[in-house]
Protein backbone atom coordinates (compact mmCIF):
# COMPACT_ATOMS: atom_id res chain seq x y z
CA UNK A 1 98.13 87.78 90.91
CA UNK A 2 94.14 88.84 91.18
CA UNK A 3 95.32 88.97 95.18
CA UNK A 4 98.11 91.35 94.50
CA UNK A 5 96.03 93.45 92.45
CA UNK A 6 92.94 93.66 94.89
CA UNK A 7 95.69 95.08 97.56
CA UNK A 8 97.17 97.07 94.95
CA UNK A 9 93.28 99.00 94.51
CA UNK A 10 92.46 99.13 97.54
CA UNK A 11 95.64 100.73 98.23
CA UNK A 12 95.00 103.19 95.42
CA UNK A 13 91.46 103.67 96.77
CA UNK A 14 92.75 104.58 100.43
CA UNK A 15 95.34 106.90 99.11
CA UNK A 16 92.54 109.17 97.06
CA UNK A 17 89.79 108.83 99.94
CA UNK A 18 92.27 110.45 102.24
CA UNK A 19 93.40 112.96 99.67
CA UNK A 20 89.93 114.03 99.18
CA UNK A 21 89.75 114.78 102.60
CA UNK A 22 92.79 116.47 102.97
CA UNK A 23 91.84 118.67 100.40
CA UNK A 24 88.92 119.25 102.45
CA UNK A 25 90.80 120.27 105.33
CA UNK A 26 92.34 122.60 103.02
CA UNK A 27 89.50 124.29 101.60
CA UNK A 28 88.20 124.71 104.98
CA UNK A 29 90.80 126.53 106.14
CA UNK A 30 90.05 128.93 103.47
CA UNK A 31 86.38 129.25 104.20
CA UNK A 32 87.30 129.81 107.74
CA UNK A 33 90.16 132.53 106.89
CA UNK A 34 87.55 133.80 104.97
CA UNK A 35 84.71 134.02 107.44
CA UNK A 36 87.22 135.76 109.96
CA UNK A 37 86.84 132.67 112.50
CA UNK A 38 90.15 131.96 112.39
CA UNK A 39 93.52 133.63 112.41
CA UNK A 40 96.47 133.75 109.57
CA UNK A 41 98.46 131.29 111.38
CA UNK A 42 95.51 128.82 111.86
CA UNK A 43 95.02 128.83 108.53
CA UNK A 44 98.56 128.44 106.80
CA UNK A 45 99.46 125.57 109.07
CA UNK A 46 96.11 123.82 107.87
CA UNK A 47 97.25 124.12 104.21
CA UNK A 48 100.53 123.76 104.34
CA UNK A 49 100.09 119.87 106.51
CA UNK A 50 97.00 119.57 104.37
CA UNK A 51 99.82 120.07 101.30
CA UNK A 52 101.87 117.46 103.20
CA UNK A 53 99.53 114.85 103.32
CA UNK A 54 98.43 114.95 99.85
CA UNK A 55 102.81 115.20 98.63
CA UNK A 56 102.75 111.60 101.06
CA UNK A 57 99.23 110.04 99.75
CA UNK A 58 100.17 111.26 96.07
CA UNK A 59 103.96 109.03 96.59
CA UNK A 60 101.83 105.88 97.23
CA UNK A 61 100.26 106.42 94.21
CA UNK A 62 103.15 107.01 92.23
CA UNK A 63 104.62 103.90 94.25
CA UNK A 64 102.19 101.74 92.45
CA UNK A 65 101.57 103.53 88.79
CA UNK A 66 104.96 105.13 87.77
CA UNK A 67 107.52 104.27 90.17
CA UNK A 68 111.23 105.50 91.86
CA UNK A 69 111.69 108.98 90.41
CA UNK A 70 108.44 111.12 91.48
CA UNK A 71 108.14 108.73 94.27
CA UNK A 72 110.77 109.78 95.65
CA UNK A 73 109.89 113.51 94.68
CA UNK A 74 106.85 113.57 96.28
CA UNK A 75 107.98 111.99 99.55
CA UNK A 76 110.72 114.84 99.69
CA UNK A 77 108.17 117.14 99.26
CA UNK A 78 105.98 115.89 101.98
CA UNK A 79 108.46 115.78 104.11
CA UNK A 80 109.62 119.76 103.40
CA UNK A 81 105.86 120.43 103.93
CA UNK A 82 105.86 118.92 107.27
CA UNK A 83 109.21 120.52 108.34
CA UNK A 84 107.51 124.06 106.95
CA UNK A 85 104.38 123.49 109.46
CA UNK A 86 107.01 123.04 112.32
CA UNK A 87 108.91 125.74 111.55
CA UNK A 88 106.19 128.38 111.17
CA UNK A 89 105.21 126.77 114.57
CA UNK A 90 108.20 127.65 116.67
CA UNK A 91 108.01 130.95 114.71
CA UNK A 92 104.81 131.69 115.70
CA UNK A 93 105.64 131.12 119.26
CA UNK A 94 108.89 132.78 119.02
CA UNK A 95 107.78 136.07 118.16
CA UNK A 96 104.82 136.07 120.41
CA UNK A 97 101.69 135.77 117.23
CA UNK A 98 101.17 132.66 118.81
CA UNK A 99 100.16 131.96 122.30
CA UNK A 100 98.45 129.33 124.41
CA UNK A 101 95.33 130.28 126.10
CA UNK A 102 93.59 128.40 128.93
């Protein structure tokens, strides 16, 4: 039983560390936008992708601590955020507000 508890503790710690990293990515996007180093599109994509990662990591934590209903809600929100990022990219290229420059 102690081995399983150590496994769960390690899984929780990894989720927390990556969650903090995802929050830092979102904050970095806001700071870069505030300093006018990135445009609105990149900032929005960074924030939404970070939210998707945070929801996925929170789903892992909910799996350990609470159980099924909240875990499913967090994973559903995660998938919605990732799909929203894909939508933002497609919409940006279709409206020619996003371009690839070489």
